[in-house]
């Protein structure tokens, strides 16, 4: 048995992660498109004919919902950027290597968080 610890994932393993990331990117971009769509259609609920008494409440509620959707969209964009950066690391063959310890991040963690750049060991040290 080889006593050397692996320093990077094989091309086959990297390809598996690439497929996983591309799928996550596809669904994330669809989700972002849906969020963006809901932002451009503010009156989906047809509240235009609501009595004046409720108008102020409706406006406040709509503003809050819009802010919430904006936050979700921003989070989604960041997630997409992180996934795209992970694809670059796959091409560079540096994917799955902890940026703190230099050790391989376990596959289980990468399957759960495919854009991870830190092992749990390094992440816990940051806390």
Protein backbone atom coordinates (compact mmCIF):
# COMPACT_ATOMS: atom_id res chain seq x y z
CA UNK A 1 0.00 0.00 0.00
CA UNK A 2 1.24 3.47 -0.91
CA UNK A 3 2.29 5.46 2.15
CA UNK A 4 2.23 8.77 0.26
CA UNK A 5 -0.83 10.85 0.97
CA UNK A 6 -2.64 11.97 -2.16
CA UNK A 7 -2.04 15.63 -2.89
CA UNK A 8 -4.75 16.02 -5.51
CA UNK A 9 -7.78 14.27 -6.93
CA UNK A 10 -7.35 12.22 -10.11
CA UNK A 11 -8.68 13.47 -13.44
CA UNK A 12 -11.51 10.92 -13.19
CA UNK A 13 -12.46 12.19 -9.72
CA UNK A 14 -12.23 15.79 -10.91
CA UNK A 15 -14.54 14.93 -13.81
CA UNK A 16 -17.12 13.53 -11.35
CA UNK A 17 -17.03 16.78 -9.38
CA UNK A 18 -17.24 18.80 -12.61
CA UNK A 19 -20.48 17.02 -13.56
CA UNK A 20 -21.89 17.66 -10.06
CA UNK A 21 -20.92 21.35 -10.16
CA UNK A 22 -22.30 21.89 -13.68
CA UNK A 23 -25.64 20.42 -12.55
CA UNK A 24 -25.69 22.66 -9.45
CA UNK A 25 -24.82 25.66 -11.63
CA UNK A 26 -27.70 24.88 -13.99
CA UNK A 27 -30.27 24.64 -11.19
CA UNK A 28 -28.82 27.71 -9.41
CA UNK A 29 -29.07 29.81 -12.56
CA UNK A 30 -32.69 28.69 -13.02
CA UNK A 31 -33.42 29.69 -9.43
CA UNK A 32 -31.75 33.08 -9.94
CA UNK A 33 -33.81 33.62 -13.12
CA UNK A 34 -37.01 32.86 -11.16
CA UNK A 35 -36.01 35.33 -8.42
CA UNK A 36 -35.17 38.00 -10.99
CA UNK A 37 -38.49 37.34 -12.73
CA UNK A 38 -40.44 37.79 -9.48
CA UNK A 39 -38.62 41.10 -8.90
CA UNK A 40 -39.67 42.39 -12.31
CA UNK A 41 -43.33 41.41 -11.67
CA UNK A 42 -44.06 43.22 -8.39
CA UNK A 43 -47.85 43.02 -8.66
CA UNK A 44 -48.25 39.28 -9.07
CA UNK A 45 -50.85 39.21 -6.29
CA UNK A 46 -53.14 41.72 -7.99
CA UNK A 47 -53.29 44.11 -5.02
CA UNK A 48 -53.83 47.17 -7.23
CA UNK A 49 -57.54 47.34 -6.39
CA UNK A 50 -57.06 46.96 -2.62
CA UNK A 51 -58.85 49.57 -0.53
CA UNK A 52 -56.75 52.63 0.47
CA UNK A 53 -56.68 51.60 4.13
CA UNK A 54 -54.53 48.60 3.31
CA UNK A 55 -52.41 50.31 0.69
CA UNK A 56 -49.73 51.47 3.15
CA UNK A 57 -49.49 47.98 4.66
CA UNK A 58 -49.32 46.46 1.20
CA UNK A 59 -46.55 48.85 0.14
CA UNK A 60 -44.52 48.07 3.26
CA UNK A 61 -45.04 44.37 2.79
CA UNK A 62 -44.11 44.56 -0.90
CA UNK A 63 -40.94 46.52 -0.06
CA UNK A 64 -39.95 43.97 2.58
CA UNK A 65 -40.61 41.10 0.18
CA UNK A 66 -38.61 42.84 -2.56
CA UNK A 67 -35.64 43.32 -0.18
CA UNK A 68 -35.89 39.69 0.82
CA UNK A 69 -35.92 38.55 -2.82
CA UNK A 70 -32.97 40.87 -3.56
CA UNK A 71 -31.00 39.27 -0.71
CA UNK A 72 -31.84 35.78 -1.98
CA UNK A 73 -30.79 36.79 -5.51
CA UNK A 74 -27.50 38.26 -4.23
CA UNK A 75 -26.81 35.08 -2.26
CA UNK A 76 -27.61 33.02 -5.35
CA UNK A 77 -25.24 35.11 -7.51
CA UNK A 78 -22.46 34.60 -4.96
CA UNK A 79 -23.14 30.85 -4.94
CA UNK A 80 -22.96 30.79 -8.76
CA UNK A 81 -19.65 32.72 -8.67
CA UNK A 82 -18.27 30.24 -6.13
CA UNK A 83 -19.32 27.29 -8.30
CA UNK A 84 -17.76 28.88 -11.39
CA UNK A 85 -14.54 29.44 -9.43
CA UNK A 86 -14.63 25.77 -8.44
CA UNK A 87 -14.76 24.84 -12.15
CA UNK A 88 -11.61 26.93 -12.70
CA UNK A 89 -9.91 25.02 -9.86
CA UNK A 90 -10.92 21.76 -11.54
CA UNK A 91 -9.27 22.93 -14.78
CA UNK A 92 -6.15 23.94 -12.79
CA UNK A 93 -6.26 20.59 -10.95
CA UNK A 94 -6.23 22.43 -7.61
CA UNK A 95 -9.85 21.55 -6.83
CA UNK A 96 -10.45 19.89 -3.47
CA UNK A 97 -7.20 21.07 -1.90
CA UNK A 98 -7.66 22.99 1.36
CA UNK A 99 -6.23 26.50 0.96
CA UNK A 100 -5.10 26.50 4.61
CA UNK A 101 -3.71 23.02 5.23
CA UNK A 102 -2.85 21.97 1.66
CA UNK A 103 -4.50 18.60 2.36
CA UNK A 104 -7.30 17.10 0.32
CA UNK A 105 -10.79 18.05 1.42
CA UNK A 106 -12.77 14.80 1.94
CA UNK A 107 -15.10 13.85 -0.90
CA UNK A 108 -18.11 13.80 1.43
CA UNK A 109 -17.58 17.50 2.22
CA UNK A 110 -17.09 18.38 -1.45
CA UNK A 111 -20.27 16.54 -2.41
CA UNK A 112 -22.18 18.54 0.22
CA UNK A 113 -20.38 21.85 -0.46
CA UNK A 114 -18.83 21.52 -3.94
CA UNK A 115 -17.30 25.01 -3.83
CA UNK A 116 -15.52 24.43 -0.49
CA UNK A 117 -11.93 25.68 -0.32
CA UNK A 118 -11.36 24.77 3.33
CA UNK A 119 -11.34 21.42 5.09
CA UNK A 120 -13.52 21.21 8.21
CA UNK A 121 -10.31 21.20 10.25
CA UNK A 122 -9.29 24.60 8.82
CA UNK A 123 -12.85 25.97 8.92
CA UNK A 124 -13.21 25.11 12.62
CA UNK A 125 -9.90 26.86 13.40
CA UNK A 126 -11.32 30.05 11.88
CA UNK A 127 -14.38 30.03 14.16
